[in-house]
PDB file of N, CA and C in Angstrom:
ATOM      1  N   UNK A   1      26.653  -4.458 -16.833  1.00  0.00           N
ATOM      2  CA  UNK A   1      26.386  -5.489 -17.825  1.00  0.00           C
ATOM      3  C   UNK A   1      24.937  -5.352 -18.282  1.00  0.00           C
ATOM      4  N   UNK A   2      24.708  -5.409 -19.581  1.00  0.00           N
ATOM      5  CA  UNK A   2      23.368  -5.244 -20.144  1.00  0.00           C
ATOM      6  C   UNK A   2      22.540  -6.517 -20.049  1.00  0.00           C
ATOM      7  N   UNK A   3      21.316  -6.453 -20.529  1.00  0.00           N
ATOM      8  CA  UNK A   3      20.446  -7.630 -20.486  1.00  0.00           C
ATOM      9  C   UNK A   3      20.985  -8.748 -21.373  1.00  0.00           C
ATOM     10  N   UNK A   4      20.660  -9.953 -20.995  1.00  0.00           N
ATOM     11  CA  UNK A   4      21.097 -11.121 -21.758  1.00  0.00           C
ATOM     12  C   UNK A   4      20.260 -11.246 -23.021  1.00  0.00           C
ATOM     13  N   UNK A   5      20.911 -11.463 -24.124  1.00  0.00           N
ATOM     14  CA  UNK A   5      20.228 -11.653 -25.401  1.00  0.00           C
ATOM     15  C   UNK A   5      19.562 -13.029 -25.418  1.00  0.00           C
ATOM     16  N   UNK A   6      18.222 -13.067 -25.474  1.00  0.00           N
ATOM     17  CA  UNK A   6      17.490 -14.335 -25.441  1.00  0.00           C
ATOM     18  C   UNK A   6      17.846 -15.226 -26.632  1.00  0.00           C
ATOM     19  N   UNK A   7      18.251 -14.615 -27.746  1.00  0.00           N
ATOM     20  CA  UNK A   7      18.655 -15.432 -28.898  1.00  0.00           C
ATOM     21  C   UNK A   7      19.884 -16.253 -28.559  1.00  0.00           C
ATOM     22  N   UNK A   8      20.794 -15.675 -27.791  1.00  0.00           N
ATOM     23  CA  UNK A   8      21.984 -16.388 -27.363  1.00  0.00           C
ATOM     24  C   UNK A   8      21.600 -17.556 -26.472  1.00  0.00           C
ATOM     25  N   UNK A   9      20.694 -17.315 -25.520  1.00  0.00           N
ATOM     26  CA  UNK A   9      20.261 -18.380 -24.614  1.00  0.00           C
ATOM     27  C   UNK A   9      19.568 -19.504 -25.370  1.00  0.00           C
ATOM     28  N   UNK A  10      18.731 -19.163 -26.352  1.00  0.00           N
ATOM     29  CA  UNK A  10      18.026 -20.210 -27.088  1.00  0.00           C
ATOM     30  C   UNK A  10      19.002 -21.088 -27.856  1.00  0.00           C
ATOM     31  N   UNK A  11      20.088 -20.491 -28.356  1.00  0.00           N
ATOM     32  CA  UNK A  11      21.089 -21.290 -29.057  1.00  0.00           C
ATOM     33  C   UNK A  11      21.790 -22.244 -28.100  1.00  0.00           C
ATOM     34  N   UNK A  12      22.001 -21.817 -26.850  1.00  0.00           N
ATOM     35  CA  UNK A  12      22.613 -22.689 -25.865  1.00  0.00           C
ATOM     36  C   UNK A  12      21.681 -23.837 -25.476  1.00  0.00           C
ATOM     37  N   UNK A  13      20.396 -23.560 -25.503  1.00  0.00           N
ATOM     38  CA  UNK A  13      19.420 -24.550 -25.059  1.00  0.00           C
ATOM     39  C   UNK A  13      19.388 -25.758 -25.972  1.00  0.00           C
ATOM     40  N   UNK A  14      19.519 -25.552 -27.252  1.00  0.00           N
ATOM     41  CA  UNK A  14      19.489 -26.641 -28.200  1.00  0.00           C
ATOM     42  C   UNK A  14      18.073 -27.107 -28.500  1.00  0.00           C
ATOM     43  N   UNK A  15      17.961 -27.964 -29.498  1.00  0.00           N
ATOM     44  CA  UNK A  15      16.656 -28.418 -29.965  1.00  0.00           C
ATOM     45  C   UNK A  15      15.812 -29.115 -28.897  1.00  0.00           C
ATOM     46  N   UNK A  16      16.438 -29.868 -28.005  1.00  0.00           N
ATOM     47  CA  UNK A  16      15.661 -30.583 -26.982  1.00  0.00           C
ATOM     48  C   UNK A  16      14.960 -29.605 -26.040  1.00  0.00           C
ATOM     49  N   UNK A  17      15.652 -28.581 -25.593  1.00  0.00           N
ATOM     50  CA  UNK A  17      15.050 -27.592 -24.690  1.00  0.00           C
ATOM     51  C   UNK A  17      13.985 -26.777 -25.421  1.00  0.00           C
ATOM     52  N   UNK A  18      14.273 -26.408 -26.660  1.00  0.00           N
ATOM     53  CA  UNK A  18      13.307 -25.638 -27.439  1.00  0.00           C
ATOM     54  C   UNK A  18      12.048 -26.463 -27.676  1.00  0.00           C
ATOM     55  N   UNK A  19      12.225 -27.748 -27.980  1.00  0.00           N
ATOM     56  CA  UNK A  19      11.069 -28.632 -28.173  1.00  0.00           C
ATOM     57  C   UNK A  19      10.209 -28.666 -26.921  1.00  0.00           C
ATOM     58  N   UNK A  20      10.842 -28.802 -25.759  1.00  0.00           N
ATOM     59  CA  UNK A  20      10.076 -28.843 -24.514  1.00  0.00           C
ATOM     60  C   UNK A  20       9.399 -27.507 -24.256  1.00  0.00           C
ATOM     61  N   UNK A  21      10.068 -26.403 -24.567  1.00  0.00           N
ATOM     62  CA  UNK A  21       9.451 -25.085 -24.399  1.00  0.00           C
ATOM     63  C   UNK A  21       8.205 -24.960 -25.276  1.00  0.00           C
ATOM     64  N   UNK A  22       8.283 -25.462 -26.497  1.00  0.00           N
ATOM     65  CA  UNK A  22       7.139 -25.424 -27.414  1.00  0.00           C
ATOM     66  C   UNK A  22       5.980 -26.236 -26.844  1.00  0.00           C
ATOM     67  N   UNK A  23       6.278 -27.459 -26.407  1.00  0.00           N
ATOM     68  CA  UNK A  23       5.242 -28.343 -25.873  1.00  0.00           C
ATOM     69  C   UNK A  23       4.618 -27.736 -24.620  1.00  0.00           C
ATOM     70  N   UNK A  24       5.449 -27.226 -23.722  1.00  0.00           N
ATOM     71  CA  UNK A  24       4.931 -26.615 -22.499  1.00  0.00           C
ATOM     72  C   UNK A  24       4.065 -25.401 -22.809  1.00  0.00           C
ATOM     73  N   UNK A  25       4.472 -24.590 -23.780  1.00  0.00           N
ATOM     74  CA  UNK A  25       3.672 -23.416 -24.144  1.00  0.00           C
ATOM     75  C   UNK A  25       2.312 -23.837 -24.708  1.00  0.00           C
ATOM     76  N   UNK A  26       2.307 -24.882 -25.530  1.00  0.00           N
ATOM     77  CA  UNK A  26       1.035 -25.352 -26.082  1.00  0.00           C
ATOM     78  C   UNK A  26       0.097 -25.831 -24.977  1.00  0.00           C
ATOM     79  N   UNK A  27       0.642 -26.596 -24.034  1.00  0.00           N
ATOM     80  CA  UNK A  27      -0.192 -27.178 -22.977  1.00  0.00           C
ATOM     81  C   UNK A  27      -0.524 -26.147 -21.900  1.00  0.00           C
ATOM     82  N   UNK A  28       0.477 -25.414 -21.445  1.00  0.00           N
ATOM     83  CA  UNK A  28       0.256 -24.472 -20.338  1.00  0.00           C
ATOM     84  C   UNK A  28      -0.453 -23.203 -20.805  1.00  0.00           C
ATOM     85  N   UNK A  29       0.063 -22.575 -21.840  1.00  0.00           N
ATOM     86  CA  UNK A  29      -0.460 -21.269 -22.252  1.00  0.00           C
ATOM     87  C   UNK A  29      -1.728 -21.377 -23.092  1.00  0.00           C
ATOM     88  N   UNK A  30      -1.750 -22.342 -24.004  1.00  0.00           N
ATOM     89  CA  UNK A  30      -2.883 -22.460 -24.919  1.00  0.00           C
ATOM     90  C   UNK A  30      -3.878 -23.536 -24.514  1.00  0.00           C
ATOM     91  N   UNK A  31      -3.574 -24.233 -23.403  1.00  0.00           N
ATOM     92  CA  UNK A  31      -4.481 -25.267 -22.866  1.00  0.00           C
ATOM     93  C   UNK A  31      -4.744 -26.392 -23.866  1.00  0.00           C
ATOM     94  N   UNK A  32      -3.713 -26.750 -24.634  1.00  0.00           N
ATOM     95  CA  UNK A  32      -3.842 -27.833 -25.611  1.00  0.00           C
ATOM     96  C   UNK A  32      -4.025 -29.173 -24.910  1.00  0.00           C
ATOM     97  N   UNK A  33      -4.759 -30.033 -25.548  1.00  0.00           N
ATOM     98  CA  UNK A  33      -4.958 -31.430 -25.154  1.00  0.00           C
ATOM     99  C   UNK A  33      -4.517 -32.294 -26.335  1.00  0.00           C
ATOM    100  N   UNK A  34      -4.274 -33.573 -26.104  1.00  0.00           N
ATOM    101  CA  UNK A  34      -3.917 -34.445 -27.221  1.00  0.00           C
ATOM    102  C   UNK A  34      -4.965 -34.343 -28.338  1.00  0.00           C
ATOM    103  N   UNK A  35      -4.473 -34.186 -29.552  1.00  0.00           N
ATOM    104  CA  UNK A  35      -5.348 -34.053 -30.717  1.00  0.00           C
ATOM    105  C   UNK A  35      -5.580 -32.616 -31.140  1.00  0.00           C
ATOM    106  N   UNK A  36      -5.289 -31.656 -30.262  1.00  0.00           N
ATOM    107  CA  UNK A  36      -5.404 -30.243 -30.638  1.00  0.00           C
ATOM    108  C   UNK A  36      -4.259 -29.910 -31.592  1.00  0.00           C
ATOM    109  N   UNK A  37      -4.515 -28.951 -32.479  1.00  0.00           N
ATOM    110  CA  UNK A  37      -3.491 -28.618 -33.478  1.00  0.00           C
ATOM    111  C   UNK A  37      -3.325 -27.110 -33.604  1.00  0.00           C
ATOM    112  N   UNK A  38      -2.191 -26.749 -34.183  1.00  0.00           N
ATOM    113  CA  UNK A  38      -1.877 -25.350 -34.459  1.00  0.00           C
ATOM    114  C   UNK A  38      -1.259 -25.292 -35.857  1.00  0.00           C
ATOM    115  N   UNK A  39      -1.631 -24.252 -36.595  1.00  0.00           N
ATOM    116  CA  UNK A  39      -1.049 -24.058 -37.920  1.00  0.00           C
ATOM    117  C   UNK A  39       0.400 -23.609 -37.790  1.00  0.00           C
ATOM    118  N   UNK A  40       1.187 -23.979 -38.776  1.00  0.00           N
ATOM    119  CA  UNK A  40       2.626 -23.714 -38.758  1.00  0.00           C
ATOM    120  C   UNK A  40       2.951 -22.228 -38.612  1.00  0.00           C
ATOM    121  N   UNK A  41       2.307 -21.383 -39.388  1.00  0.00           N
ATOM    122  CA  UNK A  41       2.650 -19.958 -39.388  1.00  0.00           C
ATOM    123  C   UNK A  41       2.355 -19.288 -38.038  1.00  0.00           C
ATOM    124  N   UNK A  42       1.169 -19.453 -37.446  1.00  0.00           N
ATOM    125  CA  UNK A  42       0.940 -18.830 -36.129  1.00  0.00           C
ATOM    126  C   UNK A  42       1.890 -19.344 -35.046  1.00  0.00           C
ATOM    127  N   UNK A  43       2.307 -20.590 -35.153  1.00  0.00           N
ATOM    128  CA  UNK A  43       3.257 -21.130 -34.184  1.00  0.00           C
ATOM    129  C   UNK A  43       4.583 -20.374 -34.288  1.00  0.00           C
ATOM    130  N   UNK A  44       5.029 -20.129 -35.493  1.00  0.00           N
ATOM    131  CA  UNK A  44       6.259 -19.365 -35.701  1.00  0.00           C
ATOM    132  C   UNK A  44       6.139 -17.929 -35.214  1.00  0.00           C
ATOM    133  N   UNK A  45       4.985 -17.316 -35.460  1.00  0.00           N
ATOM    134  CA  UNK A  45       4.752 -15.942 -35.009  1.00  0.00           C
ATOM    135  C   UNK A  45       4.789 -15.870 -33.487  1.00  0.00           C
ATOM    136  N   UNK A  46       4.162 -16.833 -32.827  1.00  0.00           N
ATOM    137  CA  UNK A  46       4.157 -16.865 -31.363  1.00  0.00           C
ATOM    138  C   UNK A  46       5.567 -17.038 -30.817  1.00  0.00           C
ATOM    139  N   UNK A  47       6.370 -17.840 -31.489  1.00  0.00           N
ATOM    140  CA  UNK A  47       7.749 -18.071 -31.072  1.00  0.00           C
ATOM    141  C   UNK A  47       8.547 -16.775 -31.138  1.00  0.00           C
ATOM    142  N   UNK A  48       8.389 -16.041 -32.241  1.00  0.00           N
ATOM    143  CA  UNK A  48       9.093 -14.777 -32.419  1.00  0.00           C
ATOM    144  C   UNK A  48       8.584 -13.734 -31.416  1.00  0.00           C
ATOM    145  N   UNK A  49       7.290 -13.760 -31.129  1.00  0.00           N
ATOM    146  CA  UNK A  49       6.708 -12.810 -30.170  1.00  0.00           C
ATOM    147  C   UNK A  49       7.315 -12.978 -28.776  1.00  0.00           C
ATOM    148  N   UNK A  50       7.829 -14.153 -28.488  1.00  0.00           N
ATOM    149  CA  UNK A  50       8.481 -14.396 -27.202  1.00  0.00           C
ATOM    150  C   UNK A  50       9.950 -13.971 -27.217  1.00  0.00           C
ATOM    151  N   UNK A  51      10.367 -13.333 -28.323  1.00  0.00           N
ATOM    152  CA  UNK A  51      11.717 -12.806 -28.393  1.00  0.00           C
ATOM    153  C   UNK A  51      12.755 -13.801 -28.882  1.00  0.00           C
ATOM    154  N   UNK A  52      12.307 -14.880 -29.511  1.00  0.00           N
ATOM    155  CA  UNK A  52      13.243 -15.901 -29.980  1.00  0.00           C
ATOM    156  C   UNK A  52      13.263 -15.923 -31.507  1.00  0.00           C
ATOM    157  N   UNK A  53      14.421 -16.153 -32.094  1.00  0.00           N
ATOM    158  CA  UNK A  53      14.529 -16.171 -33.552  1.00  0.00           C
ATOM    159  C   UNK A  53      13.755 -17.345 -34.159  1.00  0.00           C
ATOM    160  N   UNK A  54      13.066 -17.063 -35.237  1.00  0.00           N
ATOM    161  CA  UNK A  54      12.270 -18.102 -35.892  1.00  0.00           C
ATOM    162  C   UNK A  54      13.151 -19.260 -36.355  1.00  0.00           C
ATOM    163  N   UNK A  55      14.419 -18.997 -36.631  1.00  0.00           N
ATOM    164  CA  UNK A  55      15.322 -20.070 -37.061  1.00  0.00           C
ATOM    165  C   UNK A  55      15.465 -21.145 -35.985  1.00  0.00           C
ATOM    166  N   UNK A  56      15.331 -20.764 -34.716  1.00  0.00           N
ATOM    167  CA  UNK A  56      15.491 -21.721 -33.627  1.00  0.00           C
ATOM    168  C   UNK A  56      14.323 -22.692 -33.509  1.00  0.00           C
ATOM    169  N   UNK A  57      13.173 -22.296 -34.013  1.00  0.00           N
ATOM    170  CA  UNK A  57      11.998 -23.145 -33.858  1.00  0.00           C
ATOM    171  C   UNK A  57      12.115 -24.430 -34.682  1.00  0.00           C
ATOM    172  N   UNK A  58      12.790 -24.373 -35.807  1.00  0.00           N
ATOM    173  CA  UNK A  58      12.846 -25.541 -36.686  1.00  0.00           C
ATOM    174  C   UNK A  58      13.471 -26.758 -36.017  1.00  0.00           C
ATOM    175  N   UNK A  59      14.600 -26.562 -35.350  1.00  0.00           N
ATOM    176  CA  UNK A  59      15.245 -27.666 -34.648  1.00  0.00           C
ATOM    177  C   UNK A  59      14.385 -28.205 -33.520  1.00  0.00           C
ATOM    178  N   UNK A  60      13.699 -27.302 -32.821  1.00  0.00           N
ATOM    179  CA  UNK A  60      12.811 -27.716 -31.737  1.00  0.00           C
ATOM    180  C   UNK A  60      11.617 -28.511 -32.242  1.00  0.00           C
ATOM    181  N   UNK A  61      11.034 -28.064 -33.341  1.00  0.00           N
ATOM    182  CA  UNK A  61       9.899 -28.787 -33.918  1.00  0.00           C
ATOM    183  C   UNK A  61      10.323 -30.161 -34.428  1.00  0.00           C
ATOM    184  N   UNK A  62      11.497 -30.213 -35.045  1.00  0.00           N
ATOM    185  CA  UNK A  62      11.998 -31.504 -35.533  1.00  0.00           C
ATOM    186  C   UNK A  62      12.224 -32.465 -34.361  1.00  0.00           C
ATOM    187  N   UNK A  63      12.807 -31.958 -33.285  1.00  0.00           N
ATOM    188  CA  UNK A  63      13.042 -32.800 -32.114  1.00  0.00           C
ATOM    189  C   UNK A  63      11.712 -33.273 -31.514  1.00  0.00           C
ATOM    190  N   UNK A  64      10.736 -32.387 -31.432  1.00  0.00           N
ATOM    191  CA  UNK A  64       9.419 -32.755 -30.891  1.00  0.00           C
ATOM    192  C   UNK A  64       8.768 -33.846 -31.735  1.00  0.00           C
ATOM    193  N   UNK A  65       8.952 -33.784 -33.034  1.00  0.00           N
ATOM    194  CA  UNK A  65       8.415 -34.831 -33.905  1.00  0.00           C
ATOM    195  C   UNK A  65       9.157 -36.149 -33.699  1.00  0.00           C
ATOM    196  N   UNK A  66      10.479 -36.086 -33.570  1.00  0.00           N
ATOM    197  CA  UNK A  66      11.269 -37.292 -33.344  1.00  0.00           C
ATOM    198  C   UNK A  66      10.895 -37.963 -32.030  1.00  0.00           C
ATOM    199  N   UNK A  67      10.521 -37.165 -31.030  1.00  0.00           N
ATOM    200  CA  UNK A  67      10.122 -37.705 -29.733  1.00  0.00           C
ATOM    201  C   UNK A  67       8.686 -38.224 -29.742  1.00  0.00           C
ATOM    202  N   UNK A  68       7.952 -37.913 -30.811  1.00  0.00           N
ATOM    203  CA  UNK A  68       6.553 -38.322 -30.885  1.00  0.00           C
ATOM    204  C   UNK A  68       5.619 -37.380 -30.147  1.00  0.00           C
ATOM    205  N   UNK A  69       6.076 -36.168 -29.862  1.00  0.00           N
ATOM    206  CA  UNK A  69       5.269 -35.194 -29.131  1.00  0.00           C
ATOM    207  C   UNK A  69       4.343 -34.416 -30.052  1.00  0.00           C
ATOM    208  N   UNK A  70       4.782 -34.196 -31.279  1.00  0.00           N
ATOM    209  CA  UNK A  70       3.997 -33.490 -32.288  1.00  0.00           C
ATOM    210  C   UNK A  70       3.991 -34.299 -33.571  1.00  0.00           C
ATOM    211  N   UNK A  71       2.894 -34.189 -34.313  1.00  0.00           N
ATOM    212  CA  UNK A  71       2.807 -34.790 -35.641  1.00  0.00           C
ATOM    213  C   UNK A  71       2.531 -33.648 -36.615  1.00  0.00           C
ATOM    214  N   UNK A  72       3.328 -33.593 -37.674  1.00  0.00           N
ATOM    215  CA  UNK A  72       3.160 -32.536 -38.680  1.00  0.00           C
ATOM    216  C   UNK A  72       2.409 -33.068 -39.880  1.00  0.00           C
ATOM    217  N   UNK A  73       1.398 -32.337 -40.323  1.00  0.00           N
ATOM    218  CA  UNK A  73       0.653 -32.651 -41.544  1.00  0.00           C
ATOM    219  C   UNK A  73       1.111 -31.662 -42.609  1.00  0.00           C
ATOM    220  N   UNK A  74       1.929 -32.118 -43.590  1.00  0.00           N
ATOM    221  CA  UNK A  74       2.485 -31.193 -44.576  1.00  0.00           C
ATOM    222  C   UNK A  74       1.452 -30.629 -45.545  1.00  0.00           C
ATOM    223  N   UNK A  75       0.323 -31.296 -45.705  1.00  0.00           N
ATOM    224  CA  UNK A  75      -0.713 -30.799 -46.605  1.00  0.00           C
ATOM    225  C   UNK A  75      -1.448 -29.623 -45.960  1.00  0.00           C
ATOM    226  N   UNK A  76      -1.876 -29.799 -44.711  1.00  0.00           N
ATOM    227  CA  UNK A  76      -2.604 -28.735 -44.022  1.00  0.00           C
ATOM    228  C   UNK A  76      -1.674 -27.751 -43.307  1.00  0.00           C
ATOM    229  N   UNK A  77      -0.394 -28.124 -43.187  1.00  0.00           N
ATOM    230  CA  UNK A  77       0.618 -27.302 -42.510  1.00  0.00           C
ATOM    231  C   UNK A  77       0.256 -27.083 -41.046  1.00  0.00           C
ATOM    232  N   UNK A  78      -0.093 -28.180 -40.363  1.00  0.00           N
ATOM    233  CA  UNK A  78      -0.457 -28.110 -38.952  1.00  0.00           C
ATOM    234  C   UNK A  78       0.398 -29.068 -38.134  1.00  0.00           C
ATOM    235  N   UNK A  79       0.580 -28.699 -36.871  1.00  0.00           N
ATOM    236  CA  UNK A  79       1.228 -29.562 -35.887  1.00  0.00           C
ATOM    237  C   UNK A  79       0.156 -29.985 -34.888  1.00  0.00           C
ATOM    238  N   UNK A  80       0.060 -31.295 -34.663  1.00  0.00           N
ATOM    239  CA  UNK A  80      -0.920 -31.841 -33.725  1.00  0.00           C
ATOM    240  C   UNK A  80      -0.198 -32.375 -32.499  1.00  0.00           C
ATOM    241  N   UNK A  81      -0.692 -32.004 -31.323  1.00  0.00           N
ATOM    242  CA  UNK A  81      -0.134 -32.484 -30.065  1.00  0.00           C
ATOM    243  C   UNK A  81      -0.571 -33.929 -29.836  1.00  0.00           C
ATOM    244  N   UNK A  82       0.372 -34.777 -29.510  1.00  0.00           N
ATOM    245  CA  UNK A  82       0.069 -36.186 -29.241  1.00  0.00           C
ATOM    246  C   UNK A  82      -0.105 -36.417 -27.740  1.00  0.00           C
ATOM    247  N   UNK A  83      -0.591 -37.601 -27.402  1.00  0.00           N
ATOM    248  CA  UNK A  83      -0.699 -37.979 -25.993  1.00  0.00           C
ATOM    249  C   UNK A  83       0.692 -37.967 -25.346  1.00  0.00           C
ATOM    250  N   UNK A  84       1.697 -38.428 -26.092  1.00  0.00           N
ATOM    251  CA  UNK A  84       3.065 -38.440 -25.567  1.00  0.00           C
ATOM    252  C   UNK A  84       3.562 -37.021 -25.296  1.00  0.00           C
ATOM    253  N   UNK A  85       3.227 -36.077 -26.170  1.00  0.00           N
ATOM    254  CA  UNK A  85       3.624 -34.687 -25.961  1.00  0.00           C
ATOM    255  C   UNK A  85       2.954 -34.089 -24.737  1.00  0.00           C
ATOM    256  N   UNK A  86       1.667 -34.362 -24.589  1.00  0.00           N
ATOM    257  CA  UNK A  86       0.929 -33.873 -23.423  1.00  0.00           C
ATOM    258  C   UNK A  86       1.525 -34.455 -22.144  1.00  0.00           C
ATOM    259  N   UNK A  87       1.763 -35.755 -22.145  1.00  0.00           N
ATOM    260  CA  UNK A  87       2.315 -36.421 -20.966  1.00  0.00           C
ATOM    261  C   UNK A  87       3.708 -35.882 -20.641  1.00  0.00           C
ATOM    262  N   UNK A  88       4.512 -35.636 -21.661  1.00  0.00           N
ATOM    263  CA  UNK A  88       5.855 -35.121 -21.436  1.00  0.00           C
ATOM    264  C   UNK A  88       5.809 -33.738 -20.800  1.00  0.00           C
ATOM    265  N   UNK A  89       4.930 -32.894 -21.274  1.00  0.00           N
ATOM    266  CA  UNK A  89       4.801 -31.554 -20.699  1.00  0.00           C
ATOM    267  C   UNK A  89       4.354 -31.640 -19.248  1.00  0.00           C
ATOM    268  N   UNK A  90       3.527 -32.619 -18.951  1.00  0.00           N
ATOM    269  CA  UNK A  90       2.984 -32.745 -17.598  1.00  0.00           C
ATOM    270  C   UNK A  90       3.954 -33.395 -16.629  1.00  0.00           C
ATOM    271  N   UNK A  91       4.952 -34.082 -17.108  1.00  0.00           N
ATOM    272  CA  UNK A  91       5.860 -34.784 -16.200  1.00  0.00           C
ATOM    273  C   UNK A  91       7.235 -34.142 -16.103  1.00  0.00           C
ATOM    274  N   UNK A  92       7.511 -33.134 -16.898  1.00  0.00           N
ATOM    275  CA  UNK A  92       8.836 -32.528 -16.868  1.00  0.00           C
ATOM    276  C   UNK A  92       8.990 -31.544 -15.710  1.00  0.00           C
ATOM    277  N   UNK A  93       8.359 -30.383 -15.811  1.00  0.00           N
ATOM    278  CA  UNK A  93       8.536 -29.347 -14.795  1.00  0.00           C
ATOM    279  C   UNK A  93       7.232 -28.910 -14.151  1.00  0.00           C
ATOM    280  N   UNK A  94       6.117 -29.403 -14.644  1.00  0.00           N
ATOM    281  CA  UNK A  94       4.828 -28.928 -14.171  1.00  0.00           C
ATOM    282  C   UNK A  94       3.918 -30.100 -13.834  1.00  0.00           C
ATOM    283  N   UNK A  95       2.987 -29.833 -12.941  1.00  0.00           N
ATOM    284  CA  UNK A  95       1.958 -30.823 -12.654  1.00  0.00           C
ATOM    285  C   UNK A  95       0.768 -30.528 -13.555  1.00  0.00           C
ATOM    286  N   UNK A  96      -0.034 -31.532 -13.833  1.00  0.00           N
ATOM    287  CA  UNK A  96      -1.217 -31.344 -14.660  1.00  0.00           C
ATOM    288  C   UNK A  96      -2.463 -31.662 -13.868  1.00  0.00           C
ATOM    289  N   UNK A  97      -3.495 -30.946 -14.191  1.00  0.00           N
ATOM    290  CA  UNK A  97      -4.815 -31.275 -13.684  1.00  0.00           C
ATOM    291  C   UNK A  97      -5.738 -31.355 -14.890  1.00  0.00           C
ATOM    292  N   UNK A  98      -7.012 -31.389 -14.665  1.00  0.00           N
ATOM    293  CA  UNK A  98      -7.944 -31.528 -15.779  1.00  0.00           C
ATOM    294  C   UNK A  98      -7.927 -30.323 -16.712  1.00  0.00           C
ATOM    295  N   UNK A  99      -7.344 -29.201 -16.250  1.00  0.00           N
ATOM    296  CA  UNK A  99      -7.296 -27.998 -17.067  1.00  0.00           C
ATOM    297  C   UNK A  99      -5.945 -27.830 -17.771  1.00  0.00           C
ATOM    298  N   UNK A 100      -5.030 -28.754 -17.553  1.00  0.00           N
ATOM    299  CA  UNK A 100      -3.725 -28.635 -18.207  1.00  0.00           C
ATOM    300  C   UNK A 100      -2.623 -28.483 -17.182  1.00  0.00           C
ATOM    301  N   UNK A 101      -1.605 -27.730 -17.531  1.00  0.00           N
ATOM    302  CA  UNK A 101      -0.462 -27.546 -16.650  1.00  0.00           C
ATOM    303  C   UNK A 101      -0.810 -26.604 -15.518  1.00  0.00           C
ATOM    304  N   UNK A 102      -0.316 -26.949 -14.363  1.00  0.00           N
ATOM    305  CA  UNK A 102      -0.547 -26.109 -13.194  1.00  0.00           C
ATOM    306  C   UNK A 102       0.754 -25.579 -12.642  1.00  0.00           C
ATOM    307  N   UNK A 103       0.933 -25.720 -11.370  1.00  0.00           N
ATOM    308  CA  UNK A 103       2.095 -25.159 -10.686  1.00  0.00           C
ATOM    309  C   UNK A 103       3.373 -25.902 -11.036  1.00  0.00           C
ATOM    310  N   UNK A 104       4.463 -25.176 -10.980  1.00  0.00           N
ATOM    311  CA  UNK A 104       5.773 -25.794 -11.190  1.00  0.00           C
ATOM    312  C   UNK A 104       6.040 -26.772 -10.055  1.00  0.00           C
ATOM    313  N   UNK A 105       6.665 -27.893 -10.396  1.00  0.00           N
ATOM    314  CA  UNK A 105       7.035 -28.876  -9.375  1.00  0.00           C
ATOM    315  C   UNK A 105       8.138 -28.289  -8.518  1.00  0.00           C
ATOM    316  N   UNK A 106       8.130 -28.636  -7.270  1.00  0.00           N
ATOM    317  CA  UNK A 106       9.169 -28.141  -6.351  1.00  0.00           C
ATOM    318  C   UNK A 106      10.278 -29.133  -6.250  1.00  0.00           C
TER     319      UNK A 106
END
């Protein structure tokens, strides 16, 4: 059996899982704090660089906005991490310290 197609897995995950993956990547990988922002285009490029189809990001971003985790500014084309998004990333699967996400919870 060959390797699993990550595009297939992302479709199974649905918008809620993709939204959490986005938030966790911002906090864990990029060390985002509430109020930090990322432009729309680089966010999409980073998503594709992880082997996931850019089409999947839209549902995840919409879900993150509905949850209050991200705020989109259509004029500047930026997504800003909210306190709720930071807190959600820190309470789901990872612990947080002053530097952001740390070890996975056991």
